[in-house]
């Protein structure tokens, strides 16, 4: 280990002497060091820009989901309030999953004949070797992203309704029927409670 340190010290000493003796070597080494610093700085900036783009994308999705949830809550509140006997109403919707995007895929098939023998029978089969790639497009900010062909809305986990008329079985049933019909969810996902005075 000590021998390695002696060799390294000797190599550094020789390098210093060569640099002092040859000014061109000093300039080349300086340019190399500056180049490495520049590349490291550029990588840091591009990583920071990528992080900002991803954060912006996540923020946009969260905002969309929040707006979607609020829109459903407002629409249900208006609808339930108009049911005879429901009275003053508050609605809360919970989402089971977030928005899901389905991306366009370019799929190429390579068909080749394959004659195989299986015991006494031989039959002709086709192999389907496929190659799938996502279709990439550039957005308005010149960033590359997958081409979205369908956006699936978040799934609704449940609906809670608090209203003045919830002590009536008929009103509760009418509200439950309305919510299950509008949102296409089962009645077990709907909770209706009387509002406190």
C-alpha atoms as a PDB file:
ATOM      1  CA  UNK A   1       0.000   0.000   0.000  1.00  0.00           C
ATOM      2  CA  UNK A   2       2.857   2.392   0.899  1.00  0.00           C
ATOM      3  CA  UNK A   3       4.565   1.511  -2.388  1.00  0.00           C
ATOM      4  CA  UNK A   4       1.407   2.504  -4.289  1.00  0.00           C
ATOM      5  CA  UNK A   5       1.345   5.862  -2.484  1.00  0.00           C
ATOM      6  CA  UNK A   6       5.034   6.435  -3.327  1.00  0.00           C
ATOM      7  CA  UNK A   7       4.342   5.645  -6.982  1.00  0.00           C
ATOM      8  CA  UNK A   8       1.323   7.974  -7.046  1.00  0.00           C
ATOM      9  CA  UNK A   9       3.354  10.776  -5.403  1.00  0.00           C
ATOM     10  CA  UNK A  10       6.153  10.262  -7.897  1.00  0.00           C
ATOM     11  CA  UNK A  11       3.692  10.329 -10.804  1.00  0.00           C
ATOM     12  CA  UNK A  12       2.150  13.588  -9.538  1.00  0.00           C
ATOM     13  CA  UNK A  13       5.621  15.103  -9.084  1.00  0.00           C
ATOM     14  CA  UNK A  14       6.584  14.116 -12.647  1.00  0.00           C
ATOM     15  CA  UNK A  15       3.294  15.486 -14.007  1.00  0.00           C
ATOM     16  CA  UNK A  16       3.840  18.823 -12.236  1.00  0.00           C
ATOM     17  CA  UNK A  17       7.329  19.084 -13.682  1.00  0.00           C
ATOM     18  CA  UNK A  18       6.068  18.300 -17.208  1.00  0.00           C
ATOM     19  CA  UNK A  19       3.267  20.868 -16.873  1.00  0.00           C
ATOM     20  CA  UNK A  20       5.744  23.565 -15.706  1.00  0.00           C
ATOM     21  CA  UNK A  21       8.096  22.741 -18.571  1.00  0.00           C
ATOM     22  CA  UNK A  22       5.410  22.577 -21.315  1.00  0.00           C
ATOM     23  CA  UNK A  23       2.852  25.418 -21.366  1.00  0.00           C
ATOM     24  CA  UNK A  24       0.845  23.742 -24.167  1.00  0.00           C
ATOM     25  CA  UNK A  25       0.210  20.769 -21.898  1.00  0.00           C
ATOM     26  CA  UNK A  26      -1.032  23.164 -19.183  1.00  0.00           C
ATOM     27  CA  UNK A  27      -3.463  24.750 -21.661  1.00  0.00           C
ATOM     28  CA  UNK A  28      -4.730  21.340 -22.834  1.00  0.00           C
ATOM     29  CA  UNK A  29      -5.269  20.088 -19.279  1.00  0.00           C
ATOM     30  CA  UNK A  30      -7.012  23.368 -18.332  1.00  0.00           C
ATOM     31  CA  UNK A  31      -9.337  23.111 -21.329  1.00  0.00           C
ATOM     32  CA  UNK A  32     -10.082  19.468 -20.446  1.00  0.00           C
ATOM     33  CA  UNK A  33     -10.959  20.366 -16.850  1.00  0.00           C
ATOM     34  CA  UNK A  34     -13.148  23.281 -17.980  1.00  0.00           C
ATOM     35  CA  UNK A  35     -14.885  20.961 -20.473  1.00  0.00           C
ATOM     36  CA  UNK A  36     -15.657  18.423 -17.757  1.00  0.00           C
ATOM     37  CA  UNK A  37     -17.031  21.161 -15.489  1.00  0.00           C
ATOM     38  CA  UNK A  38     -19.170  22.485 -18.355  1.00  0.00           C
ATOM     39  CA  UNK A  39     -20.543  18.992 -19.117  1.00  0.00           C
ATOM     40  CA  UNK A  40     -21.356  18.366 -15.452  1.00  0.00           C
ATOM     41  CA  UNK A  41     -23.117  21.737 -15.238  1.00  0.00           C
ATOM     42  CA  UNK A  42     -25.095  21.026 -18.433  1.00  0.00           C
ATOM     43  CA  UNK A  43     -26.176  17.619 -17.072  1.00  0.00           C
ATOM     44  CA  UNK A  44     -27.361  19.258 -13.856  1.00  0.00           C
ATOM     45  CA  UNK A  45     -29.397  21.839 -15.798  1.00  0.00           C
ATOM     46  CA  UNK A  46     -30.997  19.250 -18.088  1.00  0.00           C
ATOM     47  CA  UNK A  47     -31.850  17.020 -15.089  1.00  0.00           C
ATOM     48  CA  UNK A  48     -33.402  20.044 -13.365  1.00  0.00           C
ATOM     49  CA  UNK A  49     -35.453  20.890 -16.499  1.00  0.00           C
ATOM     50  CA  UNK A  50     -36.615  17.260 -16.769  1.00  0.00           C
ATOM     51  CA  UNK A  51     -37.632  17.297 -13.102  1.00  0.00           C
ATOM     52  CA  UNK A  52     -39.582  20.539 -13.627  1.00  0.00           C
ATOM     53  CA  UNK A  53     -41.358  19.055 -16.655  1.00  0.00           C
ATOM     54  CA  UNK A  54     -42.282  15.912 -14.700  1.00  0.00           C
ATOM     55  CA  UNK A  55     -43.474  18.009 -11.729  1.00  0.00           C
ATOM     56  CA  UNK A  56     -45.554  20.163 -14.087  1.00  0.00           C
ATOM     57  CA  UNK A  57     -47.064  17.015 -15.608  1.00  0.00           C
ATOM     58  CA  UNK A  58     -47.863  15.497 -12.188  1.00  0.00           C
ATOM     59  CA  UNK A  59     -49.350  18.806 -11.044  1.00  0.00           C
ATOM     60  CA  UNK A  60     -51.538  19.005 -14.144  1.00  0.00           C
ATOM     61  CA  UNK A  61     -52.855  15.463 -13.587  1.00  0.00           C
ATOM     62  CA  UNK A  62     -53.605  16.153  -9.913  1.00  0.00           C
ATOM     63  CA  UNK A  63     -55.377  19.396 -10.826  1.00  0.00           C
ATOM     64  CA  UNK A  64     -57.406  17.590 -13.486  1.00  0.00           C
ATOM     65  CA  UNK A  65     -58.445  14.841 -11.053  1.00  0.00           C
ATOM     66  CA  UNK A  66     -59.376  17.394  -8.374  1.00  0.00           C
ATOM     67  CA  UNK A  67     -61.465  19.354 -10.894  1.00  0.00           C
ATOM     68  CA  UNK A  68     -63.107  16.126 -12.098  1.00  0.00           C
ATOM     69  CA  UNK A  69     -64.012  15.152  -8.518  1.00  0.00           C
ATOM     70  CA  UNK A  70     -65.354  18.628  -7.686  1.00  0.00           C
ATOM     71  CA  UNK A  71     -67.437  18.685 -10.879  1.00  0.00           C
ATOM     72  CA  UNK A  72     -69.075  15.358  -9.986  1.00  0.00           C
ATOM     73  CA  UNK A  73     -69.711  16.547  -6.417  1.00  0.00           C
ATOM     74  CA  UNK A  74     -71.311  19.804  -7.622  1.00  0.00           C
ATOM     75  CA  UNK A  75     -73.464  18.034 -10.208  1.00  0.00           C
ATOM     76  CA  UNK A  76     -74.644  15.452  -7.649  1.00  0.00           C
ATOM     77  CA  UNK A  77     -75.357  18.162  -5.079  1.00  0.00           C
ATOM     78  CA  UNK A  78     -77.594  20.033  -7.556  1.00  0.00           C
ATOM     79  CA  UNK A  79     -79.313  16.822  -8.623  1.00  0.00           C
ATOM     80  CA  UNK A  80     -79.912  15.472  -5.103  1.00  0.00           C
ATOM     81  CA  UNK A  81     -81.088  18.857  -3.796  1.00  0.00           C
ATOM     82  CA  UNK A  82     -83.799  18.813  -6.451  1.00  0.00           C
ATOM     83  CA  UNK A  83     -85.169  15.446  -5.208  1.00  0.00           C
ATOM     84  CA  UNK A  84     -88.421  15.942  -3.289  1.00  0.00           C
ATOM     85  CA  UNK A  85     -87.724  15.877   0.450  1.00  0.00           C
ATOM     86  CA  UNK A  86     -83.924  15.864   0.232  1.00  0.00           C
ATOM     87  CA  UNK A  87     -83.522  19.464   1.369  1.00  0.00           C
ATOM     88  CA  UNK A  88     -80.117  20.988   2.017  1.00  0.00           C
ATOM     89  CA  UNK A  89     -77.388  18.639   0.730  1.00  0.00           C
ATOM     90  CA  UNK A  90     -73.632  18.067   0.941  1.00  0.00           C
ATOM     91  CA  UNK A  91     -71.841  15.507  -1.256  1.00  0.00           C
ATOM     92  CA  UNK A  92     -68.374  13.968  -1.128  1.00  0.00           C
ATOM     93  CA  UNK A  93     -66.935  11.689  -3.802  1.00  0.00           C
ATOM     94  CA  UNK A  94     -63.842   9.526  -3.357  1.00  0.00           C
ATOM     95  CA  UNK A  95     -61.845   8.249  -6.309  1.00  0.00           C
ATOM     96  CA  UNK A  96     -60.440   4.723  -6.454  1.00  0.00           C
ATOM     97  CA  UNK A  97     -57.764   5.318  -9.062  1.00  0.00           C
ATOM     98  CA  UNK A  98     -56.286   8.166 -11.005  1.00  0.00           C
ATOM     99  CA  UNK A  99     -56.616   9.050 -14.643  1.00  0.00           C
ATOM    100  CA  UNK A 100     -55.120   6.447 -16.992  1.00  0.00           C
ATOM    101  CA  UNK A 101     -53.835   7.221 -20.461  1.00  0.00           C
ATOM    102  CA  UNK A 102     -53.709   4.693 -23.281  1.00  0.00           C
ATOM    103  CA  UNK A 103     -50.937   5.368 -25.777  1.00  0.00           C
ATOM    104  CA  UNK A 104     -50.819   4.633 -29.508  1.00  0.00           C
ATOM    105  CA  UNK A 105     -48.634   1.668 -30.427  1.00  0.00           C
ATOM    106  CA  UNK A 106     -47.092   0.904 -33.812  1.00  0.00           C
ATOM    107  CA  UNK A 107     -47.092  -2.870 -34.190  1.00  0.00           C
ATOM    108  CA  UNK A 108     -45.331  -4.670 -37.038  1.00  0.00           C
ATOM    109  CA  UNK A 109     -45.899  -8.377 -37.707  1.00  0.00           C
ATOM    110  CA  UNK A 110     -43.342 -10.736 -39.219  1.00  0.00           C
ATOM    111  CA  UNK A 111     -45.054 -13.853 -40.552  1.00  0.00           C
ATOM    112  CA  UNK A 112     -42.986 -16.862 -41.533  1.00  0.00           C
ATOM    113  CA  UNK A 113     -44.016 -20.408 -42.323  1.00  0.00           C
ATOM    114  CA  UNK A 114     -43.117 -23.104 -39.823  1.00  0.00           C
ATOM    115  CA  UNK A 115     -43.653 -26.735 -40.689  1.00  0.00           C
ATOM    116  CA  UNK A 116     -43.396 -28.846 -37.583  1.00  0.00           C
ATOM    117  CA  UNK A 117     -43.977 -32.494 -36.967  1.00  0.00           C
ATOM    118  CA  UNK A 118     -45.880 -33.483 -33.907  1.00  0.00           C
ATOM    119  CA  UNK A 119     -45.890 -37.289 -33.633  1.00  0.00           C
ATOM    120  CA  UNK A 120     -47.517 -38.659 -36.791  1.00  0.00           C
ATOM    121  CA  UNK A 121     -49.312 -35.420 -37.696  1.00  0.00           C
ATOM    122  CA  UNK A 122     -47.623 -32.496 -39.323  1.00  0.00           C
ATOM    123  CA  UNK A 123     -49.351 -29.216 -39.837  1.00  0.00           C
ATOM    124  CA  UNK A 124     -48.419 -25.828 -41.145  1.00  0.00           C
ATOM    125  CA  UNK A 125     -48.348 -23.025 -38.620  1.00  0.00           C
ATOM    126  CA  UNK A 126     -47.672 -19.371 -38.805  1.00  0.00           C
ATOM    127  CA  UNK A 127     -45.461 -17.659 -36.338  1.00  0.00           C
ATOM    128  CA  UNK A 128     -46.437 -14.142 -35.474  1.00  0.00           C
ATOM    129  CA  UNK A 129     -43.415 -12.251 -34.317  1.00  0.00           C
ATOM    130  CA  UNK A 130     -44.491  -8.767 -33.466  1.00  0.00           C
ATOM    131  CA  UNK A 131     -42.534  -5.668 -32.669  1.00  0.00           C
ATOM    132  CA  UNK A 132     -44.307  -2.998 -30.644  1.00  0.00           C
ATOM    133  CA  UNK A 133     -43.201   0.603 -30.271  1.00  0.00           C
ATOM    134  CA  UNK A 134     -44.982   3.597 -28.803  1.00  0.00           C
ATOM    135  CA  UNK A 135     -45.691   6.416 -31.227  1.00  0.00           C
ATOM    136  CA  UNK A 136     -43.808   9.511 -30.059  1.00  0.00           C
ATOM    137  CA  UNK A 137     -44.925  13.080 -30.841  1.00  0.00           C
ATOM    138  CA  UNK A 138     -43.594  16.505 -29.893  1.00  0.00           C
ATOM    139  CA  UNK A 139     -45.800  18.841 -27.871  1.00  0.00           C
ATOM    140  CA  UNK A 140     -45.982  22.651 -28.071  1.00  0.00           C
ATOM    141  CA  UNK A 141     -42.901  22.970 -25.830  1.00  0.00           C
ATOM    142  CA  UNK A 142     -40.955  20.679 -28.215  1.00  0.00           C
ATOM    143  CA  UNK A 143     -40.836  17.890 -25.586  1.00  0.00           C
ATOM    144  CA  UNK A 144     -41.299  14.319 -26.779  1.00  0.00           C
ATOM    145  CA  UNK A 145     -44.212  12.365 -25.360  1.00  0.00           C
ATOM    146  CA  UNK A 146     -46.342   9.352 -26.246  1.00  0.00           C
ATOM    147  CA  UNK A 147     -49.409   9.858 -28.459  1.00  0.00           C
ATOM    148  CA  UNK A 148     -52.474   9.499 -26.218  1.00  0.00           C
ATOM    149  CA  UNK A 149     -55.414   7.823 -27.962  1.00  0.00           C
ATOM    150  CA  UNK A 150     -57.708   7.486 -24.941  1.00  0.00           C
ATOM    151  CA  UNK A 151     -57.915   8.891 -21.431  1.00  0.00           C
ATOM    152  CA  UNK A 152     -59.785   6.763 -18.914  1.00  0.00           C
ATOM    153  CA  UNK A 153     -61.511   8.763 -16.191  1.00  0.00           C
ATOM    154  CA  UNK A 154     -60.738   7.953 -12.550  1.00  0.00           C
ATOM    155  CA  UNK A 155     -62.916   5.211 -11.057  1.00  0.00           C
ATOM    156  CA  UNK A 156     -65.303   6.259  -8.298  1.00  0.00           C
ATOM    157  CA  UNK A 157     -64.801   4.424  -5.003  1.00  0.00           C
ATOM    158  CA  UNK A 158     -67.795   5.819  -3.172  1.00  0.00           C
ATOM    159  CA  UNK A 159     -70.217   8.673  -2.567  1.00  0.00           C
ATOM    160  CA  UNK A 160     -71.238  10.131   0.790  1.00  0.00           C
ATOM    161  CA  UNK A 161     -74.370  12.265   0.990  1.00  0.00           C
ATOM    162  CA  UNK A 162     -75.458  14.285   4.009  1.00  0.00           C
ATOM    163  CA  UNK A 163     -78.897  15.823   3.631  1.00  0.00           C
ATOM    164  CA  UNK A 164     -81.810  17.098   5.702  1.00  0.00           C
ATOM    165  CA  UNK A 165     -84.313  14.547   4.373  1.00  0.00           C
ATOM    166  CA  UNK A 166     -82.213  11.416   4.990  1.00  0.00           C
ATOM    167  CA  UNK A 167     -84.506  10.259   7.842  1.00  0.00           C
ATOM    168  CA  UNK A 168     -87.115   9.285   5.216  1.00  0.00           C
ATOM    169  CA  UNK A 169     -86.634   5.807   3.696  1.00  0.00           C
ATOM    170  CA  UNK A 170     -88.280   6.943   0.439  1.00  0.00           C
ATOM    171  CA  UNK A 171     -85.924   9.921   0.092  1.00  0.00           C
ATOM    172  CA  UNK A 172     -82.903   7.726   0.864  1.00  0.00           C
ATOM    173  CA  UNK A 173     -83.985   5.192  -1.778  1.00  0.00           C
ATOM    174  CA  UNK A 174     -84.572   7.932  -4.374  1.00  0.00           C
ATOM    175  CA  UNK A 175     -81.132   9.412  -3.707  1.00  0.00           C
ATOM    176  CA  UNK A 176     -79.464   5.979  -3.869  1.00  0.00           C
ATOM    177  CA  UNK A 177     -81.258   5.128  -7.134  1.00  0.00           C
ATOM    178  CA  UNK A 178     -80.231   8.467  -8.649  1.00  0.00           C
ATOM    179  CA  UNK A 179     -76.560   8.133  -7.709  1.00  0.00           C
ATOM    180  CA  UNK A 180     -76.266   4.501  -8.826  1.00  0.00           C
ATOM    181  CA  UNK A 181     -77.906   5.317 -12.162  1.00  0.00           C
ATOM    182  CA  UNK A 182     -75.824   8.416 -12.861  1.00  0.00           C
ATOM    183  CA  UNK A 183     -72.430   7.035 -11.801  1.00  0.00           C
ATOM    184  CA  UNK A 184     -73.012   3.356 -12.651  1.00  0.00           C
ATOM    185  CA  UNK A 185     -71.855   2.183  -9.212  1.00  0.00           C
ATOM    186  CA  UNK A 186     -73.457  -0.304  -6.810  1.00  0.00           C
ATOM    187  CA  UNK A 187     -75.650   0.865  -3.947  1.00  0.00           C
ATOM    188  CA  UNK A 188     -73.066  -0.504  -1.465  1.00  0.00           C
ATOM    189  CA  UNK A 189     -70.812   2.365  -2.517  1.00  0.00           C
ATOM    190  CA  UNK A 190     -73.364   4.985  -1.499  1.00  0.00           C
ATOM    191  CA  UNK A 191     -73.799   6.297   2.045  1.00  0.00           C
ATOM    192  CA  UNK A 192     -76.642   8.649   2.958  1.00  0.00           C
ATOM    193  CA  UNK A 193     -76.877  10.300   6.370  1.00  0.00           C
ATOM    194  CA  UNK A 194     -79.166  12.889   7.966  1.00  0.00           C
ATOM    195  CA  UNK A 195     -77.717  16.365   8.312  1.00  0.00           C
ATOM    196  CA  UNK A 196     -77.430  17.708  11.853  1.00  0.00           C
ATOM    197  CA  UNK A 197     -79.498  20.751  12.811  1.00  0.00           C
END
